Amino acid sequence: MNFWRAGSMALAGAALIAGSPAMAHCDGLDGPVVGAARTALDSGDPNAVLVWVQPKDEAEIRAAFRDAVAVRKLGPAAQQLADRYFFETLVRVHRAGEGAPYTGLKPAGRDLGPAIPLADAALTTRSERELTDFVAKQATDGIRTRFADIQRKRNFRSEDIAAGRDYVASYVSFIHYVEGLHQAATGSAEGHYADAEAGSAAHAE
């Protein structure tokens, strides 16, 4: 593997571990945005959803809310269609406000990996202990794995260029991983920009 690619993968993995919303669940039917939409529709109060959109988008969401409330009164089938319309509109506008594409509502119960459910659970229980233990272990395991790999490869013979390049790939991976952890821990993660690239990498390290 090209060692620059290896470093980039390590950096992406570090960001995922340390809190990047690469697998953001705002587009799920069991996610917080749709949950807020259900609350708003059931209560008749749009305030629960307005906090999920930018001020410039408030008028659009208020209009969609009024339309949905009116159509819901026409019967069970109409209510189902109105709710779906409002969910889709709200999620689309929310994601656009975060600079992310809308690719449709995702089914409830999808596998989000361990980090996001733990983060939601921490907010529900008002205790971050399990989440911080998990993140600390993931980061520690990631460092130890890469550190052990580079130790195995560092004593290569000077004439063995292939082995030297393998060592450099591991070195870059190790340094970028640590750098990525530091940046993620001390910076801020905003939006859903990594959604399209996350894929299976969401479960890395």
Protein backbone atom coordinates (compact mmCIF):
# COMPACT_ATOMS: atom_id res chain seq x y z
CA MET A 1 0.00 0.00 0.00
CA ASN A 2 1.27 3.48 -0.81
CA PHE A 3 2.48 4.95 2.45
CA TRP A 4 0.74 8.28 1.88
CA ARG A 5 -2.53 6.40 1.46
CA ALA A 6 -1.78 4.48 4.63
CA GLY A 7 -1.27 7.74 6.48
CA SER A 8 -4.50 9.19 5.15
CA MET A 9 -6.43 6.11 6.26
CA ALA A 10 -4.92 6.39 9.72
CA LEU A 11 -5.89 10.02 9.94
CA ALA A 12 -9.46 9.23 8.89
CA GLY A 13 -9.65 6.42 11.43
CA ALA A 14 -8.39 8.67 14.19
CA ALA A 15 -11.01 11.28 13.41
CA LEU A 16 -13.75 8.66 13.48
CA ILE A 17 -12.67 7.39 16.87
CA ALA A 18 -12.28 10.79 18.41
CA GLY A 19 -15.72 12.02 17.47
CA SER A 20 -16.09 12.95 13.83
CA PRO A 21 -19.73 12.48 12.78
CA ALA A 22 -18.82 10.36 9.81
CA MET A 23 -21.73 8.08 10.43
CA ALA A 24 -24.07 10.84 11.53
CA HIS A 25 -27.56 9.46 12.18
CA CYS A 26 -29.62 12.58 11.59
CA ASP A 27 -31.09 11.00 8.47
CA GLY A 28 -32.39 7.88 10.22
CA LEU A 29 -36.04 7.24 10.99
CA ASP A 30 -34.95 6.56 14.56
CA GLY A 31 -32.56 9.52 14.64
CA PRO A 32 -32.92 12.72 16.65
CA VAL A 33 -34.18 14.89 13.78
CA VAL A 34 -37.10 12.62 12.90
CA GLY A 35 -37.71 12.16 16.63
CA ALA A 36 -38.07 15.91 16.97
CA ALA A 37 -40.40 15.93 13.97
CA ARG A 38 -42.66 13.32 15.56
CA THR A 39 -42.79 15.36 18.76
CA ALA A 40 -43.63 18.53 16.86
CA LEU A 41 -46.39 16.91 14.81
CA ASP A 42 -47.94 15.18 17.81
CA SER A 43 -47.89 18.35 19.92
CA GLY A 44 -48.71 20.81 17.15
CA ASP A 45 -45.70 22.91 18.19
CA PRO A 46 -42.95 23.38 15.56
CA ASN A 47 -40.37 24.65 18.04
CA ALA A 48 -39.03 21.14 18.57
CA VAL A 49 -37.83 21.04 14.95
CA LEU A 50 -36.83 24.66 14.41
CA VAL A 51 -33.73 24.14 16.55
CA TRP A 52 -32.49 21.63 13.94
CA VAL A 53 -32.41 24.13 11.05
CA GLN A 54 -30.60 27.36 10.27
CA PRO A 55 -32.47 30.65 10.83
CA LYS A 56 -32.59 31.23 7.07
CA ASP A 57 -34.51 27.95 6.65
CA GLU A 58 -37.08 28.54 9.38
CA ALA A 59 -39.78 29.88 7.05
CA GLU A 60 -39.54 26.81 4.80
CA ILE A 61 -39.87 24.43 7.74
CA ARG A 62 -42.76 26.37 9.26
CA ALA A 63 -44.60 26.18 5.93
CA ALA A 64 -43.90 22.45 5.59
CA PHE A 65 -45.11 21.96 9.16
CA ARG A 66 -48.37 23.78 8.52
CA ASP A 67 -48.97 21.73 5.38
CA ALA A 68 -48.27 18.48 7.19
CA VAL A 69 -50.55 19.33 10.10
CA ALA A 70 -53.38 20.22 7.72
CA VAL A 71 -53.05 17.05 5.64
CA ARG A 72 -52.78 14.81 8.71
CA LYS A 73 -56.38 15.66 9.57
CA LEU A 74 -57.67 13.95 6.42
CA GLY A 75 -57.26 10.42 7.75
CA PRO A 76 -54.74 7.73 8.67
CA ALA A 77 -53.36 7.27 5.15
CA ALA A 78 -53.03 11.01 4.67
CA GLN A 79 -51.33 11.32 8.05
CA GLN A 80 -48.74 8.73 7.09
CA LEU A 81 -47.96 10.54 3.84
CA ALA A 82 -47.86 13.94 5.55
CA ASP A 83 -45.50 12.68 8.22
CA ARG A 84 -43.15 11.19 5.65
CA TYR A 85 -43.19 14.40 3.64
CA PHE A 86 -42.34 16.45 6.72
CA PHE A 87 -39.60 14.05 7.86
CA GLU A 88 -37.95 14.18 4.45
CA THR A 89 -38.22 17.96 4.17
CA LEU A 90 -36.81 18.53 7.65
CA VAL A 91 -33.89 16.13 7.25
CA ARG A 92 -33.04 17.49 3.81
CA VAL A 93 -33.01 21.09 5.04
CA HIS A 94 -31.09 20.18 8.18
CA ARG A 95 -28.39 18.39 6.23
CA ALA A 96 -28.15 21.19 3.68
CA GLY A 97 -27.55 23.59 6.55
CA GLU A 98 -24.64 21.40 7.63
CA GLY A 99 -23.21 21.24 4.12
CA ALA A 100 -24.16 17.59 3.64
CA PRO A 101 -26.08 15.91 0.81
CA TYR A 102 -29.50 14.41 1.37
CA THR A 103 -29.67 10.81 0.19
CA GLY A 104 -33.04 9.84 1.60
CA LEU A 105 -34.30 8.70 4.97
CA LYS A 106 -32.47 5.70 6.36
CA PRO A 107 -34.27 2.79 8.04
CA ALA A 108 -34.49 2.50 11.79
CA GLY A 109 -32.20 0.04 13.47
CA ARG A 110 -29.29 0.33 11.03
CA ASP A 111 -25.82 -0.45 12.29
CA LEU A 112 -24.15 2.81 13.32
CA GLY A 113 -21.20 1.15 14.99
CA PRO A 114 -20.62 1.47 18.73
CA ALA A 115 -19.63 5.14 19.08
CA ILE A 116 -22.85 6.95 18.13
CA PRO A 117 -25.17 4.79 20.30
CA LEU A 118 -22.77 5.26 23.22
CA ALA A 119 -22.77 9.03 22.67
CA ASP A 120 -26.58 9.12 22.60
CA ALA A 121 -26.73 6.90 25.69
CA ALA A 122 -24.36 9.25 27.51
CA LEU A 123 -26.69 12.16 26.83
CA THR A 124 -29.71 10.14 27.93
CA THR A 125 -28.13 8.93 31.18
CA ARG A 126 -26.20 12.17 31.73
CA SER A 127 -23.07 10.13 32.33
CA GLU A 128 -20.12 10.13 29.94
CA ARG A 129 -18.18 7.41 31.77
CA GLU A 130 -18.91 4.50 29.41
CA LEU A 131 -18.32 6.68 26.36
CA THR A 132 -14.99 8.06 27.57
CA ASP A 133 -13.83 4.57 28.55
CA PHE A 134 -14.71 3.30 25.08
CA VAL A 135 -12.98 6.14 23.23
CA ALA A 136 -9.90 5.90 25.44
CA LYS A 137 -9.62 2.16 24.81
CA GLN A 138 -10.09 2.57 21.04
CA ALA A 139 -7.40 5.25 20.87
CA THR A 140 -5.02 3.29 23.10
CA ASP A 141 -5.49 0.11 21.10
CA GLY A 142 -4.93 2.02 17.88
CA ILE A 143 -1.67 3.51 19.14
CA ARG A 144 -0.42 0.21 20.52
CA THR A 145 -1.18 -1.67 17.30
CA ARG A 146 0.64 0.85 15.14
CA PHE A 147 3.52 1.21 17.60
CA ALA A 148 4.06 -2.55 17.68
CA ASP A 149 3.95 -2.68 13.88
CA ILE A 150 6.61 -0.02 13.49
CA GLN A 151 8.85 -1.68 16.09
CA ARG A 152 8.75 -4.92 14.11
CA LYS A 153 9.84 -3.15 10.93
CA ARG A 154 12.41 -0.61 12.08
CA ASN A 155 15.52 -2.82 11.99
CA PHE A 156 15.55 -3.32 8.22
CA ARG A 157 18.80 -3.76 6.28
CA SER A 158 19.91 -0.65 4.42
CA GLU A 159 20.06 -2.56 1.14
CA ASP A 160 16.48 -3.78 1.51
CA ILE A 161 14.61 -0.86 -0.06
CA ALA A 162 11.25 -2.66 -0.02
CA ALA A 163 11.51 -3.26 3.73
CA GLY A 164 12.54 0.34 4.23
CA ARG A 165 9.50 1.56 2.38
CA ASP A 166 7.31 -0.74 4.45
CA TYR A 167 8.82 0.83 7.57
CA VAL A 168 8.15 4.34 6.26
CA ALA A 169 4.52 3.42 5.51
CA SER A 170 4.09 2.25 9.10
CA TYR A 171 5.85 5.34 10.42
CA VAL A 172 3.57 7.69 8.46
CA SER A 173 0.51 5.72 9.57
CA PHE A 174 1.59 5.94 13.21
CA ILE A 175 2.39 9.66 13.15
CA HIS A 176 -0.77 10.62 11.26
CA TYR A 177 -2.88 8.51 13.58
CA VAL A 178 -1.52 10.25 16.66
CA GLU A 179 -1.80 13.64 14.98
CA GLY A 180 -5.38 12.89 13.98
CA LEU A 181 -6.31 11.90 17.52
CA HIS A 182 -4.83 15.12 18.85
CA GLN A 183 -6.59 17.29 16.28
CA ALA A 184 -9.92 15.58 16.84
CA ALA A 185 -9.58 15.86 20.63
CA THR A 186 -8.62 19.53 20.63
CA GLY A 187 -10.65 20.74 17.66
CA SER A 188 -14.31 20.76 16.76
CA ALA A 189 -16.16 18.35 14.48
CA GLU A 190 -18.96 20.00 12.56
CA GLY A 191 -21.40 18.86 9.93
CA HIS A 192 -21.62 15.56 8.11
CA TYR A 193 -18.98 16.08 5.46
CA ALA A 194 -17.39 12.66 5.84
CA ASP A 195 -20.62 10.69 5.38
CA ALA A 196 -19.96 9.79 1.77
CA GLU A 197 -16.44 8.54 2.46
CA ALA A 198 -17.04 6.77 5.74
CA GLY A 199 -18.39 3.41 4.52
CA SER A 200 -16.80 0.47 6.23
CA ALA A 201 -14.09 2.71 7.71
CA ALA A 202 -16.58 3.60 10.45
CA HIS A 203 -15.66 0.39 12.19
CA ALA A 204 -11.89 0.75 11.82
CA GLU A 205 -9.86 0.55 14.99
